[in-house]
Amino acid sequence: MSTLITANVSDGTDTVGTEYVVHGSAKAWCNFKGDPVAVVTSLNVSSVTDGAVGFFTVNFVNSFSEDHNSTGTRWNRDSNNNCMESFQNANLTNQQIVTFENGATADPIRMRMVSHGDLA
């Protein structure tokens, strides 16, 4: 494997330091439909597994180096009801997400998640 060492990356118009690329960029993100589960677009996500109503596992292509990565989500349904999500069992190879509406597990119409951390 080759190593490229540089201080900045540029597209010819904008320039950014490689520290932001290495440490500041999302290492995985996914936009998926909840019922039936279908990945719309993603980065570093191989698949999303539907465990049951409101239970999803987002599987990473490249593992994280430690299981304390930071994940944020946003999801929506057809109603204006209270919605929330929780995370369980974040580990090196996947992130489990549970979605609730009015205190009961519920499948989202659309789910968006992003994970930050160091890849293995």
PDB file of N, CA and C in Angstrom:
ATOM      1  N   MET A   1       0.842  -1.166   0.000  1.00  0.00           N
ATOM      2  CA  MET A   1       0.000   0.000   0.000  1.00  0.00           C
ATOM      3  C   MET A   1       0.890   1.234   0.000  1.00  0.00           C
ATOM      4  N   SER A   2       0.500   2.246  -0.770  1.00  0.00           N
ATOM      5  CA  SER A   2       1.249   3.492  -0.850  1.00  0.00           C
ATOM      6  C   SER A   2       0.721   4.497   0.161  1.00  0.00           C
ATOM      7  N   THR A   3       1.585   5.394   0.574  1.00  0.00           N
ATOM      8  CA  THR A   3       1.203   6.463   1.494  1.00  0.00           C
ATOM      9  C   THR A   3       1.428   7.792   0.802  1.00  0.00           C
ATOM     10  N   LEU A   4       0.434   8.638   0.821  1.00  0.00           N
ATOM     11  CA  LEU A   4       0.517   9.982   0.262  1.00  0.00           C
ATOM     12  C   LEU A   4       0.585  10.955   1.432  1.00  0.00           C
ATOM     13  N   ILE A   5       1.632  11.760   1.474  1.00  0.00           N
ATOM     14  CA  ILE A   5       1.788  12.728   2.554  1.00  0.00           C
ATOM     15  C   ILE A   5       1.660  14.121   1.951  1.00  0.00           C
ATOM     16  N   THR A   6       0.671  14.877   2.439  1.00  0.00           N
ATOM     17  CA  THR A   6       0.448  16.241   1.971  1.00  0.00           C
ATOM     18  C   THR A   6      -0.222  17.042   3.082  1.00  0.00           C
ATOM     19  N   ALA A   7      -0.023  18.350   3.075  1.00  0.00           N
ATOM     20  CA  ALA A   7      -0.605  19.204   4.112  1.00  0.00           C
ATOM     21  C   ALA A   7      -2.002  19.682   3.748  1.00  0.00           C
ATOM     22  N   ASN A   8      -2.285  19.796   2.445  1.00  0.00           N
ATOM     23  CA  ASN A   8      -3.571  20.327   1.985  1.00  0.00           C
ATOM     24  C   ASN A   8      -4.102  19.524   0.811  1.00  0.00           C
ATOM     25  N   VAL A   9      -5.408  19.582   0.631  1.00  0.00           N
ATOM     26  CA  VAL A   9      -6.078  18.982  -0.513  1.00  0.00           C
ATOM     27  C   VAL A   9      -6.875  20.091  -1.182  1.00  0.00           C
ATOM     28  N   SER A  10      -6.810  20.143  -2.518  1.00  0.00           N
ATOM     29  CA  SER A  10      -7.499  21.205  -3.246  1.00  0.00           C
ATOM     30  C   SER A  10      -8.182  20.639  -4.479  1.00  0.00           C
ATOM     31  N   ASP A  11      -9.344  21.219  -4.814  1.00  0.00           N
ATOM     32  CA  ASP A  11     -10.017  20.876  -6.061  1.00  0.00           C
ATOM     33  C   ASP A  11      -9.755  21.943  -7.122  1.00  0.00           C
ATOM     34  N   GLY A  12      -8.808  22.843  -6.870  1.00  0.00           N
ATOM     35  CA  GLY A  12      -8.491  23.928  -7.788  1.00  0.00           C
ATOM     36  C   GLY A  12      -9.160  25.234  -7.405  1.00  0.00           C
ATOM     37  N   THR A  13     -10.196  25.152  -6.603  1.00  0.00           N
ATOM     38  CA  THR A  13     -10.911  26.347  -6.143  1.00  0.00           C
ATOM     39  C   THR A  13     -10.819  26.474  -4.632  1.00  0.00           C
ATOM     40  N   ASP A  14     -11.153  25.413  -3.928  1.00  0.00           N
ATOM     41  CA  ASP A  14     -11.146  25.403  -2.468  1.00  0.00           C
ATOM     42  C   ASP A  14     -10.022  24.504  -1.972  1.00  0.00           C
ATOM     43  N   THR A  15      -9.400  24.906  -0.874  1.00  0.00           N
ATOM     44  CA  THR A  15      -8.322  24.135  -0.265  1.00  0.00           C
ATOM     45  C   THR A  15      -8.670  23.867   1.193  1.00  0.00           C
ATOM     46  N   VAL A  16      -8.385  22.659   1.649  1.00  0.00           N
ATOM     47  CA  VAL A  16      -8.632  22.291   3.040  1.00  0.00           C
ATOM     48  C   VAL A  16      -7.432  21.497   3.545  1.00  0.00           C
ATOM     49  N   GLY A  17      -7.094  21.711   4.817  1.00  0.00           N
ATOM     50  CA  GLY A  17      -6.001  20.965   5.428  1.00  0.00           C
ATOM     51  C   GLY A  17      -6.367  19.502   5.585  1.00  0.00           C
ATOM     52  N   THR A  18      -5.390  18.619   5.416  1.00  0.00           N
ATOM     53  CA  THR A  18      -5.674  17.184   5.509  1.00  0.00           C
ATOM     54  C   THR A  18      -6.097  16.767   6.911  1.00  0.00           C
ATOM     55  N   GLU A  19      -5.762  17.563   7.936  1.00  0.00           N
ATOM     56  CA  GLU A  19      -6.226  17.238   9.294  1.00  0.00           C
ATOM     57  C   GLU A  19      -7.747  17.192   9.336  1.00  0.00           C
ATOM     58  N   TYR A  20      -8.413  18.095   8.612  1.00  0.00           N
ATOM     59  CA  TYR A  20      -9.874  18.095   8.578  1.00  0.00           C
ATOM     60  C   TYR A  20     -10.403  16.889   7.813  1.00  0.00           C
ATOM     61  N   VAL A  21      -9.694  16.473   6.800  1.00  0.00           N
ATOM     62  CA  VAL A  21     -10.119  15.312   6.021  1.00  0.00           C
ATOM     63  C   VAL A  21      -9.979  14.042   6.849  1.00  0.00           C
ATOM     64  N   VAL A  22      -8.835  13.909   7.523  1.00  0.00           N
ATOM     65  CA  VAL A  22      -8.563  12.698   8.294  1.00  0.00           C
ATOM     66  C   VAL A  22      -9.382  12.651   9.580  1.00  0.00           C
ATOM     67  N   HIS A  23      -9.432  13.766  10.325  1.00  0.00           N
ATOM     68  CA  HIS A  23     -10.065  13.755  11.639  1.00  0.00           C
ATOM     69  C   HIS A  23     -11.456  14.369  11.672  1.00  0.00           C
ATOM     70  N   GLY A  24     -11.816  15.181  10.705  1.00  0.00           N
ATOM     71  CA  GLY A  24     -13.063  15.926  10.803  1.00  0.00           C
ATOM     72  C   GLY A  24     -14.188  15.438   9.910  1.00  0.00           C
ATOM     73  N   SER A  25     -13.932  14.511   9.040  1.00  0.00           N
ATOM     74  CA  SER A  25     -14.958  14.054   8.112  1.00  0.00           C
ATOM     75  C   SER A  25     -15.708  12.853   8.655  1.00  0.00           C
ATOM     76  N   ALA A  26     -16.955  12.733   8.221  1.00  0.00           N
ATOM     77  CA  ALA A  26     -17.725  11.542   8.582  1.00  0.00           C
ATOM     78  C   ALA A  26     -17.050  10.320   7.976  1.00  0.00           C
ATOM     79  N   LYS A  27     -16.996   9.259   8.746  1.00  0.00           N
ATOM     80  CA  LYS A  27     -16.379   8.020   8.259  1.00  0.00           C
ATOM     81  C   LYS A  27     -17.419   7.044   7.729  1.00  0.00           C
ATOM     82  N   ALA A  28     -18.690   7.310   8.044  1.00  0.00           N
ATOM     83  CA  ALA A  28     -19.791   6.504   7.499  1.00  0.00           C
ATOM     84  C   ALA A  28     -21.057   7.336   7.563  1.00  0.00           C
ATOM     85  N   TRP A  29     -21.892   7.225   6.532  1.00  0.00           N
ATOM     86  CA  TRP A  29     -23.215   7.843   6.566  1.00  0.00           C
ATOM     87  C   TRP A  29     -24.142   7.025   5.687  1.00  0.00           C
ATOM     88  N   CYS A  30     -25.423   7.151   5.966  1.00  0.00           N
ATOM     89  CA  CYS A  30     -26.393   6.354   5.222  1.00  0.00           C
ATOM     90  C   CYS A  30     -27.753   7.053   5.228  1.00  0.00           C
ATOM     91  N   ASN A  31     -28.436   6.982   4.125  1.00  0.00           N
ATOM     92  CA  ASN A  31     -29.801   7.458   3.970  1.00  0.00           C
ATOM     93  C   ASN A  31     -30.591   6.224   3.520  1.00  0.00           C
ATOM     94  N   PHE A  32     -31.542   5.764   4.359  1.00  0.00           N
ATOM     95  CA  PHE A  32     -32.269   4.554   3.986  1.00  0.00           C
ATOM     96  C   PHE A  32     -33.752   4.671   4.300  1.00  0.00           C
ATOM     97  N   LYS A  33     -34.537   3.868   3.605  1.00  0.00           N
ATOM     98  CA  LYS A  33     -35.972   3.754   3.847  1.00  0.00           C
ATOM     99  C   LYS A  33     -36.191   2.667   4.890  1.00  0.00           C
ATOM    100  N   GLY A  34     -37.253   2.835   5.714  1.00  0.00           N
ATOM    101  CA  GLY A  34     -37.449   1.919   6.820  1.00  0.00           C
ATOM    102  C   GLY A  34     -38.354   0.737   6.578  1.00  0.00           C
ATOM    103  N   ASP A  35     -39.327   0.843   5.692  1.00  0.00           N
ATOM    104  CA  ASP A  35     -40.268  -0.262   5.523  1.00  0.00           C
ATOM    105  C   ASP A  35     -40.795  -0.308   4.094  1.00  0.00           C
ATOM    106  N   PRO A  36     -40.260  -1.222   3.282  1.00  0.00           N
ATOM    107  CA  PRO A  36     -39.168  -2.166   3.549  1.00  0.00           C
ATOM    108  C   PRO A  36     -37.823  -1.443   3.533  1.00  0.00           C
ATOM    109  N   VAL A  37     -36.838  -2.043   4.198  1.00  0.00           N
ATOM    110  CA  VAL A  37     -35.516  -1.430   4.285  1.00  0.00           C
ATOM    111  C   VAL A  37     -34.866  -1.398   2.908  1.00  0.00           C
ATOM    112  N   ALA A  38     -34.397  -0.217   2.534  1.00  0.00           N
ATOM    113  CA  ALA A  38     -33.688  -0.048   1.273  1.00  0.00           C
ATOM    114  C   ALA A  38     -32.719   1.113   1.425  1.00  0.00           C
ATOM    115  N   VAL A  39     -31.442   0.871   1.170  1.00  0.00           N
ATOM    116  CA  VAL A  39     -30.442   1.928   1.230  1.00  0.00           C
ATOM    117  C   VAL A  39     -30.614   2.811   0.005  1.00  0.00           C
ATOM    118  N   VAL A  40     -30.761   4.123   0.229  1.00  0.00           N
ATOM    119  CA  VAL A  40     -30.902   5.085  -0.859  1.00  0.00           C
ATOM    120  C   VAL A  40     -29.526   5.528  -1.329  1.00  0.00           C
ATOM    121  N   THR A  41     -28.674   5.935  -0.390  1.00  0.00           N
ATOM    122  CA  THR A  41     -27.300   6.318  -0.692  1.00  0.00           C
ATOM    123  C   THR A  41     -26.484   6.196   0.586  1.00  0.00           C
ATOM    124  N   SER A  42     -25.168   5.975   0.434  1.00  0.00           N
ATOM    125  CA  SER A  42     -24.359   5.762   1.638  1.00  0.00           C
ATOM    126  C   SER A  42     -22.876   5.916   1.341  1.00  0.00           C
ATOM    127  N   LEU A  43     -22.101   5.987   2.413  1.00  0.00           N
ATOM    128  CA  LEU A  43     -20.644   5.958   2.364  1.00  0.00           C
ATOM    129  C   LEU A  43     -20.185   5.014   3.463  1.00  0.00           C
ATOM    130  N   ASN A  44     -19.367   4.039   3.100  1.00  0.00           N
ATOM    131  CA  ASN A  44     -18.820   3.062   4.050  1.00  0.00           C
ATOM    132  C   ASN A  44     -19.903   2.252   4.754  1.00  0.00           C
ATOM    133  N   VAL A  45     -21.023   2.029   4.086  1.00  0.00           N
ATOM    134  CA  VAL A  45     -22.097   1.186   4.619  1.00  0.00           C
ATOM    135  C   VAL A  45     -22.366   0.082   3.600  1.00  0.00           C
ATOM    136  N   SER A  46     -22.256  -1.170   4.046  1.00  0.00           N
ATOM    137  CA  SER A  46     -22.474  -2.302   3.139  1.00  0.00           C
ATOM    138  C   SER A  46     -23.945  -2.672   3.038  1.00  0.00           C
ATOM    139  N   SER A  47     -24.689  -2.492   4.156  1.00  0.00           N
ATOM    140  CA  SER A  47     -26.104  -2.859   4.149  1.00  0.00           C
ATOM    141  C   SER A  47     -26.760  -2.366   5.430  1.00  0.00           C
ATOM    142  N   VAL A  48     -28.088  -2.393   5.439  1.00  0.00           N
ATOM    143  CA  VAL A  48     -28.869  -2.130   6.644  1.00  0.00           C
ATOM    144  C   VAL A  48     -29.756  -3.339   6.867  1.00  0.00           C
ATOM    145  N   THR A  49     -29.700  -3.905   8.062  1.00  0.00           N
ATOM    146  CA  THR A  49     -30.483  -5.083   8.403  1.00  0.00           C
ATOM    147  C   THR A  49     -31.692  -4.661   9.233  1.00  0.00           C
ATOM    148  N   ASP A  50     -32.864  -5.167   8.877  1.00  0.00           N
ATOM    149  CA  ASP A  50     -34.106  -4.896   9.605  1.00  0.00           C
ATOM    150  C   ASP A  50     -34.302  -6.024  10.610  1.00  0.00           C
ATOM    151  N   GLY A  51     -34.161  -5.703  11.912  1.00  0.00           N
ATOM    152  CA  GLY A  51     -34.293  -6.727  12.944  1.00  0.00           C
ATOM    153  C   GLY A  51     -35.732  -6.976  13.352  1.00  0.00           C
ATOM    154  N   ALA A  52     -36.538  -5.940  13.394  1.00  0.00           N
ATOM    155  CA  ALA A  52     -37.952  -5.987  13.766  1.00  0.00           C
ATOM    156  C   ALA A  52     -38.468  -4.564  13.591  1.00  0.00           C
ATOM    157  N   VAL A  53     -39.706  -4.309  13.930  1.00  0.00           N
ATOM    158  CA  VAL A  53     -40.247  -2.962  13.809  1.00  0.00           C
ATOM    159  C   VAL A  53     -39.413  -2.007  14.661  1.00  0.00           C
ATOM    160  N   GLY A  54     -38.800  -1.017  14.014  1.00  0.00           N
ATOM    161  CA  GLY A  54     -38.011  -0.018  14.713  1.00  0.00           C
ATOM    162  C   GLY A  54     -36.590  -0.414  15.076  1.00  0.00           C
ATOM    163  N   PHE A  55     -36.145  -1.614  14.723  1.00  0.00           N
ATOM    164  CA  PHE A  55     -34.799  -2.084  15.048  1.00  0.00           C
ATOM    165  C   PHE A  55     -33.987  -2.264  13.772  1.00  0.00           C
ATOM    166  N   PHE A  56     -32.878  -1.535  13.671  1.00  0.00           N
ATOM    167  CA  PHE A  56     -32.044  -1.580  12.465  1.00  0.00           C
ATOM    168  C   PHE A  56     -30.583  -1.724  12.851  1.00  0.00           C
ATOM    169  N   THR A  57     -29.819  -2.425  12.008  1.00  0.00           N
ATOM    170  CA  THR A  57     -28.375  -2.517  12.157  1.00  0.00           C
ATOM    171  C   THR A  57     -27.744  -2.005  10.879  1.00  0.00           C
ATOM    172  N   VAL A  58     -26.960  -0.940  11.010  1.00  0.00           N
ATOM    173  CA  VAL A  58     -26.219  -0.380   9.880  1.00  0.00           C
ATOM    174  C   VAL A  58     -24.840  -1.028   9.898  1.00  0.00           C
ATOM    175  N   ASN A  59     -24.511  -1.766   8.843  1.00  0.00           N
ATOM    176  CA  ASN A  59     -23.263  -2.528   8.762  1.00  0.00           C
ATOM    177  C   ASN A  59     -22.221  -1.744   7.966  1.00  0.00           C
ATOM    178  N   PHE A  60     -21.019  -1.587   8.543  1.00  0.00           N
ATOM    179  CA  PHE A  60     -19.960  -0.809   7.910  1.00  0.00           C
ATOM    180  C   PHE A  60     -19.106  -1.672   6.991  1.00  0.00           C
ATOM    181  N   VAL A  61     -18.609  -1.090   5.903  1.00  0.00           N
ATOM    182  CA  VAL A  61     -17.658  -1.750   5.009  1.00  0.00           C
ATOM    183  C   VAL A  61     -16.305  -1.811   5.704  1.00  0.00           C
ATOM    184  N   ASN A  62     -15.816  -0.655   6.154  1.00  0.00           N
ATOM    185  CA  ASN A  62     -14.545  -0.562   6.877  1.00  0.00           C
ATOM    186  C   ASN A  62     -14.855  -0.335   8.349  1.00  0.00           C
ATOM    187  N   SER A  63     -14.260  -1.146   9.199  1.00  0.00           N
ATOM    188  CA  SER A  63     -14.524  -1.084  10.634  1.00  0.00           C
ATOM    189  C   SER A  63     -13.924   0.158  11.273  1.00  0.00           C
ATOM    190  N   PHE A  64     -14.523   0.575  12.395  1.00  0.00           N
ATOM    191  CA  PHE A  64     -13.966   1.637  13.215  1.00  0.00           C
ATOM    192  C   PHE A  64     -12.865   1.047  14.094  1.00  0.00           C
ATOM    193  N   SER A  65     -11.924   1.889  14.536  1.00  0.00           N
ATOM    194  CA  SER A  65     -10.806   1.392  15.346  1.00  0.00           C
ATOM    195  C   SER A  65     -11.204   1.162  16.796  1.00  0.00           C
ATOM    196  N   GLU A  66     -12.270   1.828  17.255  1.00  0.00           N
ATOM    197  CA  GLU A  66     -12.779   1.587  18.605  1.00  0.00           C
ATOM    198  C   GLU A  66     -14.294   1.742  18.586  1.00  0.00           C
ATOM    199  N   ASP A  67     -14.942   1.165  19.581  1.00  0.00           N
ATOM    200  CA  ASP A  67     -16.410   1.138  19.561  1.00  0.00           C
ATOM    201  C   ASP A  67     -17.052   2.362  20.207  1.00  0.00           C
ATOM    202  N   HIS A  68     -16.321   3.447  20.310  1.00  0.00           N
ATOM    203  CA  HIS A  68     -16.872   4.680  20.880  1.00  0.00           C
ATOM    204  C   HIS A  68     -17.033   5.750  19.816  1.00  0.00           C
ATOM    205  N   ASN A  69     -17.416   5.336  18.599  1.00  0.00           N
ATOM    206  CA  ASN A  69     -17.630   6.330  17.557  1.00  0.00           C
ATOM    207  C   ASN A  69     -18.878   7.141  17.882  1.00  0.00           C
ATOM    208  N   SER A  70     -18.994   8.290  17.275  1.00  0.00           N
ATOM    209  CA  SER A  70     -20.108   9.194  17.533  1.00  0.00           C
ATOM    210  C   SER A  70     -21.088   9.136  16.363  1.00  0.00           C
ATOM    211  N   THR A  71     -22.353   8.845  16.654  1.00  0.00           N
ATOM    212  CA  THR A  71     -23.365   8.716  15.610  1.00  0.00           C
ATOM    213  C   THR A  71     -24.523   9.665  15.876  1.00  0.00           C
ATOM    214  N   GLY A  72     -24.961  10.318  14.823  1.00  0.00           N
ATOM    215  CA  GLY A  72     -26.141  11.175  14.895  1.00  0.00           C
ATOM    216  C   GLY A  72     -27.149  10.717  13.857  1.00  0.00           C
ATOM    217  N   THR A  73     -28.425  10.918  14.136  1.00  0.00           N
ATOM    218  CA  THR A  73     -29.455  10.475  13.198  1.00  0.00           C
ATOM    219  C   THR A  73     -30.560  11.508  13.069  1.00  0.00           C
ATOM    220  N   ARG A  74     -31.357  11.331  12.045  1.00  0.00           N
ATOM    221  CA  ARG A  74     -32.587  12.095  11.832  1.00  0.00           C
ATOM    222  C   ARG A  74     -33.527  11.193  11.047  1.00  0.00           C
ATOM    223  N   TRP A  75     -34.769  11.109  11.497  1.00  0.00           N
ATOM    224  CA  TRP A  75     -35.740  10.297  10.756  1.00  0.00           C
ATOM    225  C   TRP A  75     -37.079  10.975  10.735  1.00  0.00           C
ATOM    226  N   ASN A  76     -37.919  10.568   9.805  1.00  0.00           N
ATOM    227  CA  ASN A  76     -39.235  11.175   9.703  1.00  0.00           C
ATOM    228  C   ASN A  76     -40.290  10.136   9.347  1.00  0.00           C
ATOM    229  N   ARG A  77     -41.532  10.496   9.732  1.00  0.00           N
ATOM    230  CA  ARG A  77     -42.714   9.694   9.416  1.00  0.00           C
ATOM    231  C   ARG A  77     -43.765  10.622   8.818  1.00  0.00           C
ATOM    232  N   ASP A  78     -44.952  10.117   8.554  1.00  0.00           N
ATOM    233  CA  ASP A  78     -46.013  10.912   7.931  1.00  0.00           C
ATOM    234  C   ASP A  78     -46.707  11.855   8.897  1.00  0.00           C
ATOM    235  N   SER A  79     -46.528  11.663  10.188  1.00  0.00           N
ATOM    236  CA  SER A  79     -47.308  12.403  11.176  1.00  0.00           C
ATOM    237  C   SER A  79     -46.460  13.448  11.883  1.00  0.00           C
ATOM    238  N   ASN A  80     -47.080  14.215  12.754  1.00  0.00           N
ATOM    239  CA  ASN A  80     -46.374  15.182  13.578  1.00  0.00           C
ATOM    240  C   ASN A  80     -46.191  14.661  14.999  1.00  0.00           C
ATOM    241  N   ASN A  81     -46.216  13.365  15.169  1.00  0.00           N
ATOM    242  CA  ASN A  81     -46.085  12.762  16.496  1.00  0.00           C
ATOM    243  C   ASN A  81     -44.662  12.901  17.017  1.00  0.00           C
ATOM    244  N   ASN A  82     -44.482  12.669  18.309  1.00  0.00           N
ATOM    245  CA  ASN A  82     -43.152  12.699  18.901  1.00  0.00           C
ATOM    246  C   ASN A  82     -42.342  11.526  18.377  1.00  0.00           C
ATOM    247  N   CYS A  83     -41.162  11.821  17.890  1.00  0.00           N
ATOM    248  CA  CYS A  83     -40.282  10.783  17.354  1.00  0.00           C
ATOM    249  C   CYS A  83     -38.941  10.870  18.051  1.00  0.00           C
ATOM    250  N   MET A  84     -38.307   9.748  18.248  1.00  0.00           N
ATOM    251  CA  MET A  84     -36.963   9.734  18.824  1.00  0.00           C
ATOM    252  C   MET A  84     -36.252   8.469  18.394  1.00  0.00           C
ATOM    253  N   GLU A  85     -34.944   8.461  18.554  1.00  0.00           N
ATOM    254  CA  GLU A  85     -34.177   7.267  18.260  1.00  0.00           C
ATOM    255  C   GLU A  85     -33.175   7.059  19.382  1.00  0.00           C
ATOM    256  N   SER A  86     -32.754   5.838  19.536  1.00  0.00           N
ATOM    257  CA  SER A  86     -31.724   5.536  20.522  1.00  0.00           C
ATOM    258  C   SER A  86     -30.714   4.617  19.862  1.00  0.00           C
ATOM    259  N   PHE A  87     -29.534   4.529  20.464  1.00  0.00           N
ATOM    260  CA  PHE A  87     -28.475   3.711  19.897  1.00  0.00           C
ATOM    261  C   PHE A  87     -28.132   2.606  20.874  1.00  0.00           C
ATOM    262  N   GLN A  88     -27.873   1.456  20.322  1.00  0.00           N
ATOM    263  CA  GLN A  88     -27.488   0.318  21.148  1.00  0.00           C
ATOM    264  C   GLN A  88     -26.277  -0.342  20.512  1.00  0.00           C
ATOM    265  N   ASN A  89     -25.417  -0.864  21.323  1.00  0.00           N
ATOM    266  CA  ASN A  89     -24.332  -1.735  20.872  1.00  0.00           C
ATOM    267  C   ASN A  89     -23.514  -1.180  19.714  1.00  0.00           C
ATOM    268  N   ALA A  90     -23.068   0.065  19.833  1.00  0.00           N
ATOM    269  CA  ALA A  90     -22.128   0.580  18.841  1.00  0.00           C
ATOM    270  C   ALA A  90     -20.860  -0.256  18.942  1.00  0.00           C
ATOM    271  N   ASN A  91     -20.405  -0.770  17.842  1.00  0.00           N
ATOM    272  CA  ASN A  91     -19.171  -1.545  17.878  1.00  0.00           C
ATOM    273  C   ASN A  91     -18.344  -1.263  16.637  1.00  0.00           C
ATOM    274  N   LEU A  92     -17.330  -2.038  16.423  1.00  0.00           N
ATOM    275  CA  LEU A  92     -16.390  -1.774  15.343  1.00  0.00           C
ATOM    276  C   LEU A  92     -16.987  -1.958  13.958  1.00  0.00           C
ATOM    277  N   THR A  93     -17.946  -2.850  13.810  1.00  0.00           N
ATOM    278  CA  THR A  93     -18.424  -3.221  12.477  1.00  0.00           C
ATOM    279  C   THR A  93     -19.844  -2.769  12.154  1.00  0.00           C
ATOM    280  N   ASN A  94     -20.602  -2.305  13.157  1.00  0.00           N
ATOM    281  CA  ASN A  94     -21.971  -1.861  12.876  1.00  0.00           C
ATOM    282  C   ASN A  94     -22.495  -0.939  13.962  1.00  0.00           C
ATOM    283  N   GLN A  95     -23.618  -0.327  13.676  1.00  0.00           N
ATOM    284  CA  GLN A  95     -24.305   0.547  14.629  1.00  0.00           C
ATOM    285  C   GLN A  95     -25.763   0.111  14.675  1.00  0.00           C
ATOM    286  N   GLN A  96     -26.244  -0.238  15.863  1.00  0.00           N
ATOM    287  CA  GLN A  96     -27.646  -0.608  16.001  1.00  0.00           C
ATOM    288  C   GLN A  96     -28.452   0.627  16.387  1.00  0.00           C
ATOM    289  N   ILE A  97     -29.591   0.798  15.741  1.00  0.00           N
ATOM    290  CA  ILE A  97     -30.457   1.957  15.956  1.00  0.00           C
ATOM    291  C   ILE A  97     -31.861   1.454  16.262  1.00  0.00           C
ATOM    292  N   VAL A  98     -32.499   2.056  17.261  1.00  0.00           N
ATOM    293  CA  VAL A  98     -33.888   1.742  17.595  1.00  0.00           C
ATOM    294  C   VAL A  98     -34.679   3.038  17.466  1.00  0.00           C
ATOM    295  N   THR A  99     -35.789   3.011  16.732  1.00  0.00           N
ATOM    296  CA  THR A  99     -36.611   4.206  16.536  1.00  0.00           C
ATOM    297  C   THR A  99     -37.959   4.030  17.225  1.00  0.00           C
ATOM    298  N   PHE A 100     -38.405   5.118  17.855  1.00  0.00           N
ATOM    299  CA  PHE A 100     -39.652   5.119  18.616  1.00  0.00           C
ATOM    300  C   PHE A 100     -40.565   6.243  18.147  1.00  0.00           C
ATOM    301  N   GLU A 101     -41.861   6.035  18.293  1.00  0.00           N
ATOM    302  CA  GLU A 101     -42.856   7.087  18.096  1.00  0.00           C
ATOM    303  C   GLU A 101     -43.920   6.896  19.169  1.00  0.00           C
ATOM    304  N   ASN A 102     -44.155   7.942  19.961  1.00  0.00           N
ATOM    305  CA  ASN A 102     -45.133   7.882  21.054  1.00  0.00           C
ATOM    306  C   ASN A 102     -44.888   6.707  21.999  1.00  0.00           C
ATOM    307  N   GLY A 103     -43.623   6.421  22.287  1.00  0.00           N
ATOM    308  CA  GLY A 103     -43.287   5.393  23.254  1.00  0.00           C
ATOM    309  C   GLY A 103     -43.240   3.970  22.726  1.00  0.00           C
ATOM    310  N   ALA A 104     -43.547   3.767  21.440  1.00  0.00           N
ATOM    311  CA  ALA A 104     -43.518   2.423  20.858  1.00  0.00           C
ATOM    312  C   ALA A 104     -42.544   2.397  19.687  1.00  0.00           C
ATOM    313  N   THR A 105     -41.906   1.254  19.474  1.00  0.00           N
ATOM    314  CA  THR A 105     -41.009   1.163  18.325  1.00  0.00           C
ATOM    315  C   THR A 105     -41.808   1.374  17.049  1.00  0.00           C
ATOM    316  N   ALA A 106     -41.185   2.046  16.090  1.00  0.00           N
ATOM    317  CA  ALA A 106     -41.855   2.365  14.822  1.00  0.00           C
ATOM    318  C   ALA A 106     -40.821   2.433  13.711  1.00  0.00           C
ATOM    319  N   ASP A 107     -41.207   2.020  12.511  1.00  0.00           N
ATOM    320  CA  ASP A 107     -40.329   2.123  11.351  1.00  0.00           C
ATOM    321  C   ASP A 107     -40.413   3.525  10.759  1.00  0.00           C
ATOM    322  N   PRO A 108     -39.271   4.104  10.418  1.00  0.00           N
ATOM    323  CA  PRO A 108     -39.282   5.422   9.795  1.00  0.00           C
ATOM    324  C   PRO A 108     -39.601   5.318   8.301  1.00  0.00           C
ATOM    325  N   ILE A 109     -40.125   6.402   7.740  1.00  0.00           N
ATOM    326  CA  ILE A 109     -40.264   6.481   6.292  1.00  0.00           C
ATOM    327  C   ILE A 109     -38.871   6.625   5.690  1.00  0.00           C
ATOM    328  N   ARG A 110     -38.066   7.526   6.281  1.00  0.00           N
ATOM    329  CA  ARG A 110     -36.704   7.763   5.825  1.00  0.00           C
ATOM    330  C   ARG A 110     -35.818   7.981   7.038  1.00  0.00           C
ATOM    331  N   MET A 111     -34.649   7.376   7.036  1.00  0.00           N
ATOM    332  CA  MET A 111     -33.688   7.476   8.141  1.00  0.00           C
ATOM    333  C   MET A 111     -32.367   7.974   7.595  1.00  0.00           C
ATOM    334  N   ARG A 112     -31.737   8.898   8.317  1.00  0.00           N
ATOM    335  CA  ARG A 112     -30.425   9.401   7.958  1.00  0.00           C
ATOM    336  C   ARG A 112     -29.503   9.259   9.167  1.00  0.00           C
ATOM    337  N   MET A 113     -28.320   8.702   8.969  1.00  0.00           N
ATOM    338  CA  MET A 113     -27.367   8.561  10.064  1.00  0.00           C
ATOM    339  C   MET A 113     -25.983   8.908   9.577  1.00  0.00           C
ATOM    340  N   VAL A 114     -25.154   9.386  10.503  1.00  0.00           N
ATOM    341  CA  VAL A 114     -23.767   9.706  10.202  1.00  0.00           C
ATOM    342  C   VAL A 114     -22.908   9.317  11.403  1.00  0.00           C
ATOM    343  N   SER A 115     -21.752   8.711  11.147  1.00  0.00           N
ATOM    344  CA  SER A 115     -20.850   8.290  12.216  1.00  0.00           C
ATOM    345  C   SER A 115     -19.473   8.901  12.026  1.00  0.00           C
ATOM    346  N   HIS A 116     -18.927   9.397  13.137  1.00  0.00           N
ATOM    347  CA  HIS A 116     -17.585   9.977  13.160  1.00  0.00           C
ATOM    348  C   HIS A 116     -16.712   9.148  14.086  1.00  0.00           C
ATOM    349  N   GLY A 117     -15.458   9.040  13.774  1.00  0.00           N
ATOM    350  CA  GLY A 117     -14.500   8.302  14.575  1.00  0.00           C
ATOM    351  C   GLY A 117     -13.326   7.923  13.706  1.00  0.00           C
ATOM    352  N   ASP A 118     -12.432   7.131  14.234  1.00  0.00           N
ATOM    353  CA  ASP A 118     -11.257   6.690  13.486  1.00  0.00           C
ATOM    354  C   ASP A 118     -11.511   5.292  12.912  1.00  0.00           C
ATOM    355  N   LEU A 119     -11.175   5.117  11.655  1.00  0.00           N
ATOM    356  CA  LEU A 119     -11.299   3.800  11.041  1.00  0.00           C
ATOM    357  C   LEU A 119     -10.088   2.946  11.392  1.00  0.00           C
ATOM    358  N   ALA A 120     -10.310   1.644  11.415  1.00  0.00           N
ATOM    359  CA  ALA A 120      -9.225   0.698  11.732  1.00  0.00           C
ATOM    360  C   ALA A 120      -8.194   0.687  10.617  1.00  0.00           C
TER     361      ALA A 120
END
